[in-house]
Full PDB file with SEQRES, HELIX, SHEET, SSBOND, CRYST1, ORIGX, SCALE, CONECT and MASTER records, all heavy atoms in Angstrom:
SEQRES   1 A   41  LEU PHE GLY SER GLU PRO ASP GLY LYS LEU HIS VAL TYR          
SEQRES   2 A   41  PHE PHE ASP VAL GLY GLN GLY ASP ALA ALA LEU ILE VAL          
SEQRES   3 A   41  SER PRO LYS GLY THR THR VAL LEU VAL ASP ALA GLY PRO          
SEQRES   4 A   41  GLN SER                                                      
SHEET    1 AA1 3 HIS A  11  PHE A  14  0                                        
SHEET    2 AA1 3 ALA A  22  VAL A  26 -1                                        
SHEET    3 AA1 3 THR A  32  ALA A  37 -1                                        
CRYST1    1.000    1.000    1.000  90.00  90.00  90.00 P 1           1          
ORIGX1      1.000000  0.000000  0.000000        0.00000                         
ORIGX2      0.000000  1.000000  0.000000        0.00000                         
ORIGX3      0.000000  0.000000  1.000000        0.00000                         
SCALE1      1.000000  0.000000  0.000000        0.00000                         
SCALE2      0.000000  1.000000  0.000000        0.00000                         
SCALE3      0.000000  0.000000  1.000000        0.00000                         
ATOM      1  N   LEU A   1      14.981  -0.045  -6.391  1.00  0.00           N  
ATOM      2  CA  LEU A   1      14.349   1.241  -6.673  1.00  0.00           C  
ATOM      3  C   LEU A   1      15.239   2.423  -6.296  1.00  0.00           C  
ATOM      4  O   LEU A   1      15.398   3.362  -7.053  1.00  0.00           O  
ATOM      5  CB  LEU A   1      13.025   1.346  -5.908  1.00  0.00           C  
ATOM      6  CG  LEU A   1      11.897   0.442  -6.417  1.00  0.00           C  
ATOM      7  CD1 LEU A   1      10.715   0.542  -5.480  1.00  0.00           C  
ATOM      8  CD2 LEU A   1      11.493   0.828  -7.818  1.00  0.00           C  
ATOM      9  N   PHE A   2      15.826   2.399  -5.096  1.00  0.00           N  
ATOM     10  CA  PHE A   2      16.528   3.585  -4.627  1.00  0.00           C  
ATOM     11  C   PHE A   2      17.955   3.322  -4.166  1.00  0.00           C  
ATOM     12  O   PHE A   2      18.647   4.232  -3.783  1.00  0.00           O  
ATOM     13  CB  PHE A   2      15.804   4.232  -3.433  1.00  0.00           C  
ATOM     14  CG  PHE A   2      14.341   4.017  -3.422  1.00  0.00           C  
ATOM     15  CD1 PHE A   2      13.734   3.300  -2.416  1.00  0.00           C  
ATOM     16  CD2 PHE A   2      13.559   4.538  -4.426  1.00  0.00           C  
ATOM     17  CE1 PHE A   2      12.367   3.109  -2.415  1.00  0.00           C  
ATOM     18  CE2 PHE A   2      12.195   4.344  -4.415  1.00  0.00           C  
ATOM     19  CZ  PHE A   2      11.606   3.630  -3.413  1.00  0.00           C  
ATOM     20  N   GLY A   3      18.376   2.088  -4.140  1.00  0.00           N  
ATOM     21  CA  GLY A   3      19.689   1.804  -3.607  1.00  0.00           C  
ATOM     22  C   GLY A   3      20.729   1.757  -4.687  1.00  0.00           C  
ATOM     23  O   GLY A   3      20.983   2.715  -5.405  1.00  0.00           O  
ATOM     24  N   SER A   4      21.359   0.599  -4.844  1.00  0.00           N  
ATOM     25  CA  SER A   4      22.464   0.482  -5.794  1.00  0.00           C  
ATOM     26  C   SER A   4      21.982   0.422  -7.234  1.00  0.00           C  
ATOM     27  O   SER A   4      22.762   0.597  -8.156  1.00  0.00           O  
ATOM     28  CB  SER A   4      23.286  -0.768  -5.471  1.00  0.00           C  
ATOM     29  OG  SER A   4      22.457  -1.922  -5.499  1.00  0.00           O  
ATOM     30  N   GLU A   5      20.695   0.166  -7.454  1.00  0.00           N  
ATOM     31  CA  GLU A   5      20.195   0.016  -8.821  1.00  0.00           C  
ATOM     32  C   GLU A   5      18.941   0.859  -9.053  1.00  0.00           C  
ATOM     33  O   GLU A   5      17.888   0.330  -9.370  1.00  0.00           O  
ATOM     34  CB  GLU A   5      19.877  -1.451  -9.107  1.00  0.00           C  
ATOM     35  CG  GLU A   5      21.050  -2.399  -8.930  1.00  0.00           C  
ATOM     36  CD  GLU A   5      20.613  -3.842  -9.126  1.00  0.00           C  
ATOM     37  OE1 GLU A   5      19.947  -4.126 -10.136  1.00  0.00           O  
ATOM     38  OE2 GLU A   5      20.932  -4.666  -8.275  1.00  0.00           O  
ATOM     39  N   PRO A   6      18.979   2.179  -8.919  1.00  0.00           N  
ATOM     40  CA  PRO A   6      17.788   2.989  -9.171  1.00  0.00           C  
ATOM     41  C   PRO A   6      17.404   2.928 -10.640  1.00  0.00           C  
ATOM     42  O   PRO A   6      18.273   2.911 -11.511  1.00  0.00           O  
ATOM     43  CB  PRO A   6      18.231   4.399  -8.764  1.00  0.00           C  
ATOM     44  CG  PRO A   6      19.710   4.378  -8.922  1.00  0.00           C  
ATOM     45  CD  PRO A   6      20.153   2.999  -8.576  1.00  0.00           C  
ATOM     46  N   ASP A   7      16.102   2.869 -10.914  1.00  0.00           N  
ATOM     47  CA  ASP A   7      15.680   2.758 -12.312  1.00  0.00           C  
ATOM     48  C   ASP A   7      15.110   4.051 -12.866  1.00  0.00           C  
ATOM     49  O   ASP A   7      14.732   4.127 -14.030  1.00  0.00           O  
ATOM     50  CB  ASP A   7      14.669   1.625 -12.488  1.00  0.00           C  
ATOM     51  CG  ASP A   7      13.389   1.853 -11.701  1.00  0.00           C  
ATOM     52  OD1 ASP A   7      13.266   2.917 -11.063  1.00  0.00           O  
ATOM     53  OD2 ASP A   7      12.518   0.966 -11.713  1.00  0.00           O  
ATOM     54  N   GLY A   8      15.010   5.109 -12.032  1.00  0.00           N  
ATOM     55  CA  GLY A   8      14.561   6.409 -12.535  1.00  0.00           C  
ATOM     56  C   GLY A   8      13.140   6.422 -13.037  1.00  0.00           C  
ATOM     57  O   GLY A   8      12.780   7.232 -13.890  1.00  0.00           O  
ATOM     58  N   LYS A   9      12.305   5.543 -12.511  1.00  0.00           N  
ATOM     59  CA  LYS A   9      10.923   5.455 -12.977  1.00  0.00           C  
ATOM     60  C   LYS A   9       9.937   5.680 -11.837  1.00  0.00           C  
ATOM     61  O   LYS A   9      10.287   5.559 -10.658  1.00  0.00           O  
ATOM     62  CB  LYS A   9      10.674   4.080 -13.624  1.00  0.00           C  
ATOM     63  CG  LYS A   9      11.506   3.844 -14.880  1.00  0.00           C  
ATOM     64  CD  LYS A   9      11.252   2.463 -15.460  1.00  0.00           C  
ATOM     65  CE  LYS A   9      12.105   2.238 -16.711  1.00  0.00           C  
ATOM     66  NZ  LYS A   9      11.917   0.894 -17.279  1.00  0.00           N  
ATOM     67  N   LEU A  10       8.727   6.011 -12.204  1.00  0.00           N  
ATOM     68  CA  LEU A  10       7.637   6.173 -11.252  1.00  0.00           C  
ATOM     69  C   LEU A  10       6.944   4.826 -11.070  1.00  0.00           C  
ATOM     70  O   LEU A  10       6.602   4.165 -12.045  1.00  0.00           O  
ATOM     71  CB  LEU A  10       6.636   7.208 -11.779  1.00  0.00           C  
ATOM     72  CG  LEU A  10       5.314   7.347 -11.013  1.00  0.00           C  
ATOM     73  CD1 LEU A  10       5.556   7.918  -9.618  1.00  0.00           C  
ATOM     74  CD2 LEU A  10       4.350   8.235 -11.795  1.00  0.00           C  
ATOM     75  N   HIS A  11       6.735   4.430  -9.823  1.00  0.00           N  
ATOM     76  CA  HIS A  11       6.082   3.159  -9.517  1.00  0.00           C  
ATOM     77  C   HIS A  11       4.805   3.413  -8.726  1.00  0.00           C  
ATOM     78  O   HIS A  11       4.799   4.230  -7.802  1.00  0.00           O  
ATOM     79  CB  HIS A  11       6.999   2.251  -8.697  1.00  0.00           C  
ATOM     80  CG  HIS A  11       8.224   1.802  -9.430  1.00  0.00           C  
ATOM     81  ND1 HIS A  11       8.409   0.501  -9.856  1.00  0.00           N  
ATOM     82  CD2 HIS A  11       9.330   2.479  -9.826  1.00  0.00           C  
ATOM     83  CE1 HIS A  11       9.575   0.401 -10.472  1.00  0.00           C  
ATOM     84  NE2 HIS A  11      10.155   1.591 -10.466  1.00  0.00           N  
ATOM     85  N   VAL A  12       3.736   2.707  -9.070  1.00  0.00           N  
ATOM     86  CA  VAL A  12       2.491   2.746  -8.300  1.00  0.00           C  
ATOM     87  C   VAL A  12       2.059   1.298  -8.064  1.00  0.00           C  
ATOM     88  O   VAL A  12       1.960   0.515  -9.008  1.00  0.00           O  
ATOM     89  CB  VAL A  12       1.368   3.519  -9.026  1.00  0.00           C  
ATOM     90  CG1 VAL A  12       0.150   3.624  -8.120  1.00  0.00           C  
ATOM     91  CG2 VAL A  12       1.841   4.904  -9.451  1.00  0.00           C  
ATOM     92  N   TYR A  13       1.801   0.969  -6.806  1.00  0.00           N  
ATOM     93  CA  TYR A  13       1.376  -0.379  -6.432  1.00  0.00           C  
ATOM     94  C   TYR A  13      -0.059  -0.301  -5.925  1.00  0.00           C  
ATOM     95  O   TYR A  13      -0.335   0.358  -4.921  1.00  0.00           O  
ATOM     96  CB  TYR A  13       2.268  -0.942  -5.328  1.00  0.00           C  
ATOM     97  CG  TYR A  13       3.729  -1.030  -5.689  1.00  0.00           C  
ATOM     98  CD1 TYR A  13       4.558   0.089  -5.567  1.00  0.00           C  
ATOM     99  CD2 TYR A  13       4.289  -2.215  -6.151  1.00  0.00           C  
ATOM    100  CE1 TYR A  13       5.904   0.028  -5.899  1.00  0.00           C  
ATOM    101  CE2 TYR A  13       5.640  -2.291  -6.485  1.00  0.00           C  
ATOM    102  CZ  TYR A  13       6.436  -1.166  -6.361  1.00  0.00           C  
ATOM    103  OH  TYR A  13       7.767  -1.234  -6.689  1.00  0.00           O  
ATOM    104  N   PHE A  14      -0.983  -0.955  -6.614  1.00  0.00           N  
ATOM    105  CA  PHE A  14      -2.365  -1.043  -6.165  1.00  0.00           C  
ATOM    106  C   PHE A  14      -2.501  -2.377  -5.432  1.00  0.00           C  
ATOM    107  O   PHE A  14      -2.538  -3.442  -6.047  1.00  0.00           O  
ATOM    108  CB  PHE A  14      -3.331  -0.958  -7.347  1.00  0.00           C  
ATOM    109  CG  PHE A  14      -3.280   0.373  -8.057  1.00  0.00           C  
ATOM    110  CD1 PHE A  14      -2.528   0.531  -9.220  1.00  0.00           C  
ATOM    111  CD2 PHE A  14      -3.969   1.468  -7.567  1.00  0.00           C  
ATOM    112  CE1 PHE A  14      -2.463   1.748  -9.875  1.00  0.00           C  
ATOM    113  CE2 PHE A  14      -3.914   2.696  -8.215  1.00  0.00           C  
ATOM    114  CZ  PHE A  14      -3.163   2.838  -9.363  1.00  0.00           C  
ATOM    115  N   PHE A  15      -2.564  -2.313  -4.110  1.00  0.00           N  
ATOM    116  CA  PHE A  15      -2.519  -3.528  -3.306  1.00  0.00           C  
ATOM    117  C   PHE A  15      -3.844  -4.270  -3.316  1.00  0.00           C  
ATOM    118  O   PHE A  15      -4.917  -3.667  -3.419  1.00  0.00           O  
ATOM    119  CB  PHE A  15      -2.143  -3.181  -1.860  1.00  0.00           C  
ATOM    120  CG  PHE A  15      -0.787  -2.550  -1.716  1.00  0.00           C  
ATOM    121  CD1 PHE A  15      -0.646  -1.290  -1.154  1.00  0.00           C  
ATOM    122  CD2 PHE A  15       0.349  -3.208  -2.168  1.00  0.00           C  
ATOM    123  CE1 PHE A  15       0.606  -0.702  -1.012  1.00  0.00           C  
ATOM    124  CE2 PHE A  15       1.606  -2.624  -2.037  1.00  0.00           C  
ATOM    125  CZ  PHE A  15       1.731  -1.373  -1.464  1.00  0.00           C  
ATOM    126  N   ASP A  16      -3.754  -5.585  -3.188  1.00  0.00           N  
ATOM    127  CA  ASP A  16      -4.944  -6.433  -3.061  1.00  0.00           C  
ATOM    128  C   ASP A  16      -5.305  -6.489  -1.582  1.00  0.00           C  
ATOM    129  O   ASP A  16      -4.733  -7.272  -0.821  1.00  0.00           O  
ATOM    130  CB  ASP A  16      -4.637  -7.828  -3.610  1.00  0.00           C  
ATOM    131  CG  ASP A  16      -5.839  -8.767  -3.529  1.00  0.00           C  
ATOM    132  OD1 ASP A  16      -6.945  -8.289  -3.186  1.00  0.00           O  
ATOM    133  OD2 ASP A  16      -5.666  -9.971  -3.797  1.00  0.00           O  
ATOM    134  N   VAL A  17      -6.252  -5.632  -1.170  1.00  0.00           N  
ATOM    135  CA  VAL A  17      -6.626  -5.545   0.243  1.00  0.00           C  
ATOM    136  C   VAL A  17      -8.064  -5.988   0.468  1.00  0.00           C  
ATOM    137  O   VAL A  17      -8.669  -5.647   1.491  1.00  0.00           O  
ATOM    138  CB  VAL A  17      -6.433  -4.105   0.771  1.00  0.00           C  
ATOM    139  CG1 VAL A  17      -4.957  -3.749   0.809  1.00  0.00           C  
ATOM    140  CG2 VAL A  17      -7.209  -3.094  -0.062  1.00  0.00           C  
ATOM    141  N   GLY A  18      -8.625  -6.767  -0.454  1.00  0.00           N  
ATOM    142  CA  GLY A  18     -10.022  -7.151  -0.325  1.00  0.00           C  
ATOM    143  C   GLY A  18     -10.926  -5.990  -0.669  1.00  0.00           C  
ATOM    144  O   GLY A  18     -10.606  -5.165  -1.527  1.00  0.00           O  
ATOM    145  N   GLN A  19     -12.078  -5.902   0.019  1.00  0.00           N  
ATOM    146  CA  GLN A  19     -13.016  -4.828  -0.262  1.00  0.00           C  
ATOM    147  C   GLN A  19     -12.547  -3.547   0.426  1.00  0.00           C  
ATOM    148  O   GLN A  19     -12.900  -3.253   1.557  1.00  0.00           O  
ATOM    149  CB  GLN A  19     -14.426  -5.206   0.202  1.00  0.00           C  
ATOM    150  CG  GLN A  19     -15.495  -4.186  -0.171  1.00  0.00           C  
ATOM    151  CD  GLN A  19     -15.559  -3.917  -1.673  1.00  0.00           C  
ATOM    152  OE1 GLN A  19     -15.272  -4.802  -2.475  1.00  0.00           O  
ATOM    153  NE2 GLN A  19     -15.933  -2.711  -2.062  1.00  0.00           N  
ATOM    154  N   GLY A  20     -11.729  -2.805  -0.268  1.00  0.00           N  
ATOM    155  CA  GLY A  20     -11.152  -1.577   0.270  1.00  0.00           C  
ATOM    156  C   GLY A  20     -10.203  -0.980  -0.742  1.00  0.00           C  
ATOM    157  O   GLY A  20     -10.216  -1.361  -1.915  1.00  0.00           O  
ATOM    158  N   ASP A  21      -9.377  -0.039  -0.292  1.00  0.00           N  
ATOM    159  CA  ASP A  21      -8.453   0.656  -1.180  1.00  0.00           C  
ATOM    160  C   ASP A  21      -7.137   0.902  -0.482  1.00  0.00           C  
ATOM    161  O   ASP A  21      -7.114   1.348   0.674  1.00  0.00           O  
ATOM    162  CB  ASP A  21      -9.038   2.010  -1.604  1.00  0.00           C  
ATOM    163  CG  ASP A  21      -9.504   2.013  -3.050  1.00  0.00           C  
ATOM    164  OD1 ASP A  21      -8.682   1.652  -3.910  1.00  0.00           O  
ATOM    165  OD2 ASP A  21     -10.656   2.371  -3.305  1.00  0.00           O  
ATOM    166  N   ALA A  22      -6.044   0.666  -1.189  1.00  0.00           N  
ATOM    167  CA  ALA A  22      -4.709   1.028  -0.709  1.00  0.00           C  
ATOM    168  C   ALA A  22      -3.757   0.999  -1.889  1.00  0.00           C  
ATOM    169  O   ALA A  22      -3.742   0.030  -2.654  1.00  0.00           O  
ATOM    170  CB  ALA A  22      -4.227   0.080   0.387  1.00  0.00           C  
ATOM    171  N   ALA A  23      -2.978   2.058  -2.046  1.00  0.00           N  
ATOM    172  CA  ALA A  23      -2.008   2.133  -3.141  1.00  0.00           C  
ATOM    173  C   ALA A  23      -0.775   2.879  -2.654  1.00  0.00           C  
ATOM    174  O   ALA A  23      -0.887   3.803  -1.837  1.00  0.00           O  
ATOM    175  CB  ALA A  23      -2.609   2.835  -4.356  1.00  0.00           C  
ATOM    176  N   LEU A  24       0.380   2.514  -3.164  1.00  0.00           N  
ATOM    177  CA  LEU A  24       1.633   3.167  -2.811  1.00  0.00           C  
ATOM    178  C   LEU A  24       2.247   3.790  -4.052  1.00  0.00           C  
ATOM    179  O   LEU A  24       2.421   3.124  -5.072  1.00  0.00           O  
ATOM    180  CB  LEU A  24       2.616   2.166  -2.204  1.00  0.00           C  
ATOM    181  CG  LEU A  24       4.016   2.716  -1.875  1.00  0.00           C  
ATOM    182  CD1 LEU A  24       3.941   3.721  -0.729  1.00  0.00           C  
ATOM    183  CD2 LEU A  24       4.981   1.585  -1.549  1.00  0.00           C  
ATOM    184  N   ILE A  25       2.587   5.079  -3.960  1.00  0.00           N  
ATOM    185  CA  ILE A  25       3.297   5.800  -5.015  1.00  0.00           C  
ATOM    186  C   ILE A  25       4.759   5.928  -4.603  1.00  0.00           C  
ATOM    187  O   ILE A  25       5.050   6.343  -3.478  1.00  0.00           O  
ATOM    188  CB  ILE A  25       2.692   7.199  -5.231  1.00  0.00           C  
ATOM    189  CG1 ILE A  25       1.226   7.107  -5.655  1.00  0.00           C  
ATOM    190  CG2 ILE A  25       3.501   7.997  -6.249  1.00  0.00           C  
ATOM    191  CD1 ILE A  25       0.483   8.437  -5.591  1.00  0.00           C  
ATOM    192  N   VAL A  26       5.664   5.565  -5.502  1.00  0.00           N  
ATOM    193  CA  VAL A  26       7.100   5.724  -5.248  1.00  0.00           C  
ATOM    194  C   VAL A  26       7.684   6.494  -6.427  1.00  0.00           C  
ATOM    195  O   VAL A  26       7.692   6.005  -7.561  1.00  0.00           O  
ATOM    196  CB  VAL A  26       7.813   4.362  -5.100  1.00  0.00           C  
ATOM    197  CG1 VAL A  26       9.285   4.583  -4.749  1.00  0.00           C  
ATOM    198  CG2 VAL A  26       7.141   3.505  -4.043  1.00  0.00           C  
ATOM    199  N   SER A  27       8.149   7.707  -6.179  1.00  0.00           N  
ATOM    200  CA  SER A  27       8.682   8.544  -7.251  1.00  0.00           C  
ATOM    201  C   SER A  27      10.078   8.072  -7.642  1.00  0.00           C  
ATOM    202  O   SER A  27      10.725   7.337  -6.891  1.00  0.00           O  
ATOM    203  CB  SER A  27       8.735  10.005  -6.806  1.00  0.00           C  
ATOM    204  OG  SER A  27       9.864  10.229  -5.981  1.00  0.00           O  
ATOM    205  N   PRO A  28      10.580   8.495  -8.810  1.00  0.00           N  
ATOM    206  CA  PRO A  28      11.944   8.119  -9.204  1.00  0.00           C  
ATOM    207  C   PRO A  28      12.993   8.537  -8.181  1.00  0.00           C  
ATOM    208  O   PRO A  28      14.040   7.910  -8.060  1.00  0.00           O  
ATOM    209  CB  PRO A  28      12.142   8.855 -10.533  1.00  0.00           C  
ATOM    210  CG  PRO A  28      10.766   9.064 -11.062  1.00  0.00           C  
ATOM    211  CD  PRO A  28       9.902   9.273  -9.865  1.00  0.00           C  
ATOM    212  N   LYS A  29      12.681   9.582  -7.437  1.00  0.00           N  
ATOM    213  CA  LYS A  29      13.616  10.085  -6.437  1.00  0.00           C  
ATOM    214  C   LYS A  29      13.494   9.355  -5.105  1.00  0.00           C  
ATOM    215  O   LYS A  29      14.298   9.540  -4.202  1.00  0.00           O  
ATOM    216  CB  LYS A  29      13.359  11.584  -6.234  1.00  0.00           C  
ATOM    217  CG  LYS A  29      14.467  12.327  -5.533  1.00  0.00           C  
ATOM    218  CD  LYS A  29      14.168  13.817  -5.557  1.00  0.00           C  
ATOM    219  CE  LYS A  29      15.322  14.605  -4.928  1.00  0.00           C  
ATOM    220  NZ  LYS A  29      15.079  16.053  -5.012  1.00  0.00           N  
ATOM    221  N   GLY A  30      12.451   8.509  -4.969  1.00  0.00           N  
ATOM    222  CA  GLY A  30      12.257   7.750  -3.741  1.00  0.00           C  
ATOM    223  C   GLY A  30      11.245   8.336  -2.792  1.00  0.00           C  
ATOM    224  O   GLY A  30      11.054   7.812  -1.691  1.00  0.00           O  
ATOM    225  N   THR A  31      10.555   9.416  -3.178  1.00  0.00           N  
ATOM    226  CA  THR A  31       9.487   9.966  -2.347  1.00  0.00           C  
ATOM    227  C   THR A  31       8.307   9.006  -2.360  1.00  0.00           C  
ATOM    228  O   THR A  31       7.933   8.490  -3.419  1.00  0.00           O  
ATOM    229  CB  THR A  31       9.050  11.341  -2.874  1.00  0.00           C  
ATOM    230  OG1 THR A  31      10.186  12.202  -2.935  1.00  0.00           O  
ATOM    231  CG2 THR A  31       7.995  11.959  -1.979  1.00  0.00           C  
ATOM    232  N   THR A  32       7.720   8.766  -1.184  1.00  0.00           N  
ATOM    233  CA  THR A  32       6.654   7.762  -1.087  1.00  0.00           C  
ATOM    234  C   THR A  32       5.361   8.378  -0.571  1.00  0.00           C  
ATOM    235  O   THR A  32       5.374   9.205   0.346  1.00  0.00           O  
ATOM    236  CB  THR A  32       7.073   6.612  -0.153  1.00  0.00           C  
ATOM    237  OG1 THR A  32       7.431   7.146   1.138  1.00  0.00           O  
ATOM    238  CG2 THR A  32       8.260   5.854  -0.726  1.00  0.00           C  
ATOM    239  N   VAL A  33       4.242   7.966  -1.180  1.00  0.00           N  
ATOM    240  CA  VAL A  33       2.914   8.422  -0.782  1.00  0.00           C  
ATOM    241  C   VAL A  33       2.000   7.199  -0.712  1.00  0.00           C  
ATOM    242  O   VAL A  33       1.856   6.477  -1.702  1.00  0.00           O  
ATOM    243  CB  VAL A  33       2.330   9.440  -1.788  1.00  0.00           C  
ATOM    244  CG1 VAL A  33       0.953   9.909  -1.324  1.00  0.00           C  
ATOM    245  CG2 VAL A  33       3.274  10.611  -1.984  1.00  0.00           C  
ATOM    246  N   LEU A  34       1.398   6.977   0.445  1.00  0.00           N  
ATOM    247  CA  LEU A  34       0.412   5.905   0.589  1.00  0.00           C  
ATOM    248  C   LEU A  34      -0.968   6.512   0.435  1.00  0.00           C  
ATOM    249  O   LEU A  34      -1.338   7.429   1.179  1.00  0.00           O  
ATOM    250  CB  LEU A  34       0.538   5.234   1.958  1.00  0.00           C  
ATOM    251  CG  LEU A  34      -0.432   4.076   2.226  1.00  0.00           C  
ATOM    252  CD1 LEU A  34      -0.121   2.886   1.327  1.00  0.00           C  
ATOM    253  CD2 LEU A  34      -0.401   3.666   3.693  1.00  0.00           C  
ATOM    254  N   VAL A  35      -1.729   6.040  -0.542  1.00  0.00           N  
ATOM    255  CA  VAL A  35      -3.087   6.538  -0.781  1.00  0.00           C  
ATOM    256  C   VAL A  35      -4.063   5.523  -0.209  1.00  0.00           C  
ATOM    257  O   VAL A  35      -4.251   4.433  -0.770  1.00  0.00           O  
ATOM    258  CB  VAL A  35      -3.350   6.753  -2.282  1.00  0.00           C  
ATOM    259  CG1 VAL A  35      -4.739   7.344  -2.490  1.00  0.00           C  
ATOM    260  CG2 VAL A  35      -2.289   7.652  -2.899  1.00  0.00           C  
ATOM    261  N   ASP A  36      -4.638   5.850   0.940  1.00  0.00           N  
ATOM    262  CA  ASP A  36      -5.541   4.970   1.677  1.00  0.00           C  
ATOM    263  C   ASP A  36      -4.791   3.755   2.229  1.00  0.00           C  
ATOM    264  O   ASP A  36      -3.681   3.442   1.792  1.00  0.00           O  
ATOM    265  CB  ASP A  36      -6.738   4.556   0.831  1.00  0.00           C  
ATOM    266  CG  ASP A  36      -7.691   5.715   0.565  1.00  0.00           C  
ATOM    267  OD1 ASP A  36      -7.836   6.572   1.469  1.00  0.00           O  
ATOM    268  OD2 ASP A  36      -8.271   5.790  -0.535  1.00  0.00           O  
ATOM    269  N   ALA A  37      -5.432   3.099   3.207  1.00  0.00           N  
ATOM    270  CA  ALA A  37      -4.734   2.022   3.906  1.00  0.00           C  
ATOM    271  C   ALA A  37      -5.593   0.787   4.101  1.00  0.00           C  
ATOM    272  O   ALA A  37      -5.322  -0.021   4.991  1.00  0.00           O  
ATOM    273  CB  ALA A  37      -4.233   2.524   5.263  1.00  0.00           C  
ATOM    274  N   GLY A  38      -6.633   0.623   3.273  1.00  0.00           N  
ATOM    275  CA  GLY A  38      -7.398  -0.612   3.299  1.00  0.00           C  
ATOM    276  C   GLY A  38      -8.175  -0.841   4.583  1.00  0.00           C  
ATOM    277  O   GLY A  38      -8.077  -0.069   5.543  1.00  0.00           O  
ATOM    278  N   PRO A  39      -8.952  -1.919   4.635  1.00  0.00           N  
ATOM    279  CA  PRO A  39      -9.712  -2.258   5.841  1.00  0.00           C  
ATOM    280  C   PRO A  39      -8.817  -2.894   6.904  1.00  0.00           C  
ATOM    281  O   PRO A  39      -7.678  -3.269   6.630  1.00  0.00           O  
ATOM    282  CB  PRO A  39     -10.744  -3.259   5.311  1.00  0.00           C  
ATOM    283  CG  PRO A  39     -10.048  -3.930   4.168  1.00  0.00           C  
ATOM    284  CD  PRO A  39      -9.174  -2.877   3.538  1.00  0.00           C  
ATOM    285  N   GLN A  40      -9.349  -3.039   8.104  1.00  0.00           N  
ATOM    286  CA  GLN A  40      -8.596  -3.656   9.192  1.00  0.00           C  
ATOM    287  C   GLN A  40      -8.128  -5.055   8.826  1.00  0.00           C  
ATOM    288  O   GLN A  40      -7.034  -5.481   9.202  1.00  0.00           O  
ATOM    289  CB  GLN A  40      -9.466  -3.696  10.453  1.00  0.00           C  
ATOM    290  CG  GLN A  40      -8.840  -4.438  11.633  1.00  0.00           C  
ATOM    291  CD  GLN A  40      -7.506  -3.854  12.060  1.00  0.00           C  
ATOM    292  OE1 GLN A  40      -7.353  -2.637  12.057  1.00  0.00           O  
ATOM    293  NE2 GLN A  40      -6.549  -4.696  12.419  1.00  0.00           N  
ATOM    294  N   SER A  41      -8.940  -5.771   8.047  1.00  0.00           N  
ATOM    295  CA  SER A  41      -8.585  -7.139   7.669  1.00  0.00           C  
ATOM    296  C   SER A  41      -7.338  -7.219   6.799  1.00  0.00           C  
ATOM    297  O   SER A  41      -6.747  -8.292   6.641  1.00  0.00           O  
ATOM    298  CB  SER A  41      -9.760  -7.798   6.932  1.00  0.00           C  
ATOM    299  OG  SER A  41     -10.107  -7.039   5.777  1.00  0.00           O  
TER     300      SER A  41                                                      
MASTER        0    0    0    0    3    0    0    6  299    1    0    4          
END                                                                             
């Protein structure tokens, strides 16, 4: 994503956290935003 092979694309990962919510945004420039962090489990 950001090292020797940047792809210049926007990535969003919707994680499988069970009954809850967590997603990671990674911009083409490498800026990262975590949207929610799921349950304790």
